[in-house]
Amino acid sequence: QVQLVESGGGLVQPGGSLRLSCAASGIIFRIYAMGWYRQAPGKQRELVAAITSGGSTNYADSVKGRFTISKDNAKNTVYLQMNSLKPEDTAIYYCHADALSTRRHDYWGQGTQVTVSS
């Protein structure tokens, strides 16, 4: 199986920056895509950004121009650089991987809290 471990969340003031990291480990034959989702209280989980094995990226309209997703294939790690943070970015951020282990499956991290507040 695949384990995803996130880090980098925390409390930041509006306009500030945070960098999230997510490292995948375990039995991994191939990672097709990795990404970040978020869920705010009372709302559904939504895609924030994703990156494929080929490097193609996809962003939610609400974060375009402020967030950047990147990856380190050698480390099976994906990053989310978040700049110009707004209070509405406050949520639990979950790492996701579409990966082939014993079978192809969607894997999720435990989540990391991001709070944007003055």
C-alpha atoms as a PDB file:
ATOM      1  CA  GLN A   1       0.000   0.000   0.000  1.00  0.00           C
ATOM      2  CA  VAL A   2       0.893   3.684  -0.194  1.00  0.00           C
ATOM      3  CA  GLN A   3       1.202   6.063   2.722  1.00  0.00           C
ATOM      4  CA  LEU A   4       1.035   9.836   2.300  1.00  0.00           C
ATOM      5  CA  VAL A   5       2.485  12.090   4.975  1.00  0.00           C
ATOM      6  CA  GLU A   6       1.777  15.811   4.835  1.00  0.00           C
ATOM      7  CA  SER A   7       3.619  18.641   6.541  1.00  0.00           C
ATOM      8  CA  GLY A   8       3.788  22.419   6.480  1.00  0.00           C
ATOM      9  CA  GLY A   9       0.370  23.564   7.630  1.00  0.00           C
ATOM     10  CA  GLY A  10      -0.162  26.181  10.286  1.00  0.00           C
ATOM     11  CA  LEU A  11      -1.445  29.634  11.116  1.00  0.00           C
ATOM     12  CA  VAL A  12      -0.558  32.540   8.842  1.00  0.00           C
ATOM     13  CA  GLN A  13      -1.761  36.113   8.464  1.00  0.00           C
ATOM     14  CA  PRO A  14      -3.642  37.235   5.349  1.00  0.00           C
ATOM     15  CA  GLY A  15      -1.197  37.923   2.562  1.00  0.00           C
ATOM     16  CA  GLY A  16       1.310  35.470   3.958  1.00  0.00           C
ATOM     17  CA  SER A  17       2.756  32.273   2.521  1.00  0.00           C
ATOM     18  CA  LEU A  18       2.974  28.611   3.429  1.00  0.00           C
ATOM     19  CA  ARG A  19       4.507  25.595   1.728  1.00  0.00           C
ATOM     20  CA  LEU A  20       2.916  22.190   2.075  1.00  0.00           C
ATOM     21  CA  SER A  21       4.787  18.962   1.432  1.00  0.00           C
ATOM     22  CA  CYS A  22       3.509  15.443   0.916  1.00  0.00           C
ATOM     23  CA  ALA A  23       5.769  12.416   0.756  1.00  0.00           C
ATOM     24  CA  ALA A  24       4.556   9.096  -0.583  1.00  0.00           C
ATOM     25  CA  SER A  25       6.044   5.855   0.676  1.00  0.00           C
ATOM     26  CA  GLY A  26       5.330   2.150   0.655  1.00  0.00           C
ATOM     27  CA  ILE A  27       4.923  -0.221  -2.259  1.00  0.00           C
ATOM     28  CA  ILE A  28       4.818   2.144  -5.221  1.00  0.00           C
ATOM     29  CA  PHE A  29       5.175   0.948  -8.770  1.00  0.00           C
ATOM     30  CA  ARG A  30       3.920   4.103 -10.406  1.00  0.00           C
ATOM     31  CA  ILE A  31       2.402   7.440  -9.461  1.00  0.00           C
ATOM     32  CA  TYR A  32       0.052   8.716 -12.130  1.00  0.00           C
ATOM     33  CA  ALA A  33      -0.799  12.011 -10.432  1.00  0.00           C
ATOM     34  CA  MET A  34      -0.577  13.732  -7.092  1.00  0.00           C
ATOM     35  CA  GLY A  35      -2.445  16.704  -5.803  1.00  0.00           C
ATOM     36  CA  TRP A  36      -3.994  18.680  -3.001  1.00  0.00           C
ATOM     37  CA  TYR A  37      -7.618  18.941  -1.984  1.00  0.00           C
ATOM     38  CA  ARG A  38      -9.102  21.015   0.803  1.00  0.00           C
ATOM     39  CA  GLN A  39     -12.190  20.952   2.943  1.00  0.00           C
ATOM     40  CA  ALA A  40     -13.470  23.906   4.903  1.00  0.00           C
ATOM     41  CA  PRO A  41     -16.029  23.507   7.712  1.00  0.00           C
ATOM     42  CA  GLY A  42     -19.479  22.863   6.294  1.00  0.00           C
ATOM     43  CA  LYS A  43     -18.198  22.557   2.734  1.00  0.00           C
ATOM     44  CA  GLN A  44     -17.394  19.717   0.381  1.00  0.00           C
ATOM     45  CA  ARG A  45     -13.839  18.652  -0.321  1.00  0.00           C
ATOM     46  CA  GLU A  46     -12.545  20.421  -3.423  1.00  0.00           C
ATOM     47  CA  LEU A  47      -9.556  20.120  -5.710  1.00  0.00           C
ATOM     48  CA  VAL A  48      -6.917  22.784  -5.137  1.00  0.00           C
ATOM     49  CA  ALA A  49      -4.169  21.673  -7.503  1.00  0.00           C
ATOM     50  CA  ALA A  50      -2.899  18.527  -9.165  1.00  0.00           C
ATOM     51  CA  ILE A  51       0.135  17.467 -11.168  1.00  0.00           C
ATOM     52  CA  THR A  52       0.516  14.441 -13.414  1.00  0.00           C
ATOM     53  CA  SER A  53       3.544  12.234 -13.859  1.00  0.00           C
ATOM     54  CA  GLY A  54       4.251  14.144 -17.042  1.00  0.00           C
ATOM     55  CA  GLY A  55       4.193  17.474 -15.256  1.00  0.00           C
ATOM     56  CA  SER A  56       0.823  18.788 -16.404  1.00  0.00           C
ATOM     57  CA  THR A  57      -0.867  20.903 -13.764  1.00  0.00           C
ATOM     58  CA  ASN A  58      -4.436  21.823 -12.940  1.00  0.00           C
ATOM     59  CA  TYR A  59      -5.594  24.495 -10.500  1.00  0.00           C
ATOM     60  CA  ALA A  60      -8.855  25.597  -8.976  1.00  0.00           C
ATOM     61  CA  ASP A  61      -9.832  29.009 -10.322  1.00  0.00           C
ATOM     62  CA  SER A  62      -9.770  30.425  -6.799  1.00  0.00           C
ATOM     63  CA  VAL A  63      -6.031  29.737  -6.385  1.00  0.00           C
ATOM     64  CA  LYS A  64      -4.679  30.410  -9.878  1.00  0.00           C
ATOM     65  CA  GLY A  65      -1.829  32.871  -9.771  1.00  0.00           C
ATOM     66  CA  ARG A  66      -1.350  32.409  -6.020  1.00  0.00           C
ATOM     67  CA  PHE A  67      -0.597  28.708  -5.542  1.00  0.00           C
ATOM     68  CA  THR A  68       2.018  26.604  -7.318  1.00  0.00           C
ATOM     69  CA  ILE A  69       2.206  22.821  -7.299  1.00  0.00           C
ATOM     70  CA  SER A  70       5.470  21.028  -7.985  1.00  0.00           C
ATOM     71  CA  LYS A  71       6.984  17.587  -7.483  1.00  0.00           C
ATOM     72  CA  ASP A  72      10.209  15.751  -6.880  1.00  0.00           C
ATOM     73  CA  ASN A  73       9.935  12.394  -8.633  1.00  0.00           C
ATOM     74  CA  ALA A  74      13.028  10.978  -6.969  1.00  0.00           C
ATOM     75  CA  LYS A  75      11.488  11.586  -3.552  1.00  0.00           C
ATOM     76  CA  ASN A  76       7.857  10.792  -4.503  1.00  0.00           C
ATOM     77  CA  THR A  77       7.029  14.161  -2.990  1.00  0.00           C
ATOM     78  CA  VAL A  78       4.631  16.881  -4.044  1.00  0.00           C
ATOM     79  CA  TYR A  79       4.694  20.465  -2.840  1.00  0.00           C
ATOM     80  CA  LEU A  80       2.143  23.251  -2.729  1.00  0.00           C
ATOM     81  CA  GLN A  81       3.525  26.768  -2.471  1.00  0.00           C
ATOM     82  CA  MET A  82       0.734  29.043  -1.280  1.00  0.00           C
ATOM     83  CA  ASN A  83       1.222  32.796  -1.574  1.00  0.00           C
ATOM     84  CA  SER A  84      -1.069  35.746  -0.957  1.00  0.00           C
ATOM     85  CA  LEU A  85      -3.170  33.642   1.358  1.00  0.00           C
ATOM     86  CA  LYS A  86      -6.700  34.737   2.127  1.00  0.00           C
ATOM     87  CA  PRO A  87      -9.014  33.867   5.034  1.00  0.00           C
ATOM     88  CA  GLU A  88     -11.126  31.839   2.608  1.00  0.00           C
ATOM     89  CA  ASP A  89      -8.146  29.539   2.060  1.00  0.00           C
ATOM     90  CA  THR A  90      -8.619  28.289   5.618  1.00  0.00           C
ATOM     91  CA  ALA A  91      -9.283  24.548   5.471  1.00  0.00           C
ATOM     92  CA  ILE A  92      -7.843  21.126   6.074  1.00  0.00           C
ATOM     93  CA  TYR A  93      -5.596  20.316   3.132  1.00  0.00           C
ATOM     94  CA  TYR A  94      -5.383  16.705   2.024  1.00  0.00           C
ATOM     95  CA  CYS A  95      -2.728  15.153  -0.156  1.00  0.00           C
ATOM     96  CA  HIS A  96      -3.942  12.760  -2.837  1.00  0.00           C
ATOM     97  CA  ALA A  97      -2.147  10.264  -5.035  1.00  0.00           C
ATOM     98  CA  ASP A  98      -3.408   8.202  -7.943  1.00  0.00           C
ATOM     99  CA  ALA A  99      -0.890   5.407  -7.669  1.00  0.00           C
ATOM    100  CA  LEU A 100      -0.214   1.813  -8.559  1.00  0.00           C
ATOM    101  CA  SER A 101       0.706  -0.316  -5.567  1.00  0.00           C
ATOM    102  CA  THR A 102      -0.736  -3.796  -5.263  1.00  0.00           C
ATOM    103  CA  ARG A 103      -3.508  -2.221  -7.339  1.00  0.00           C
ATOM    104  CA  ARG A 104      -4.239   1.168  -8.820  1.00  0.00           C
ATOM    105  CA  HIS A 105      -6.024   3.220  -6.196  1.00  0.00           C
ATOM    106  CA  ASP A 106      -6.709   6.687  -4.849  1.00  0.00           C
ATOM    107  CA  TYR A 107      -4.654   7.278  -1.714  1.00  0.00           C
ATOM    108  CA  TRP A 108      -5.187  10.080   0.815  1.00  0.00           C
ATOM    109  CA  GLY A 109      -3.142  11.684   3.530  1.00  0.00           C
ATOM    110  CA  GLN A 110      -4.439  12.484   7.004  1.00  0.00           C
ATOM    111  CA  GLY A 111      -4.726  16.188   6.280  1.00  0.00           C
ATOM    112  CA  THR A 112      -2.992  19.290   7.562  1.00  0.00           C
ATOM    113  CA  GLN A 113      -4.738  22.382   8.898  1.00  0.00           C
ATOM    114  CA  VAL A 114      -4.150  25.719   7.223  1.00  0.00           C
ATOM    115  CA  THR A 115      -5.585  28.733   9.015  1.00  0.00           C
ATOM    116  CA  VAL A 116      -5.387  32.230   7.542  1.00  0.00           C
ATOM    117  CA  SER A 117      -6.297  34.807  10.146  1.00  0.00           C
ATOM    118  CA  SER A 118      -5.079  38.062  11.619  1.00  0.00           C
END
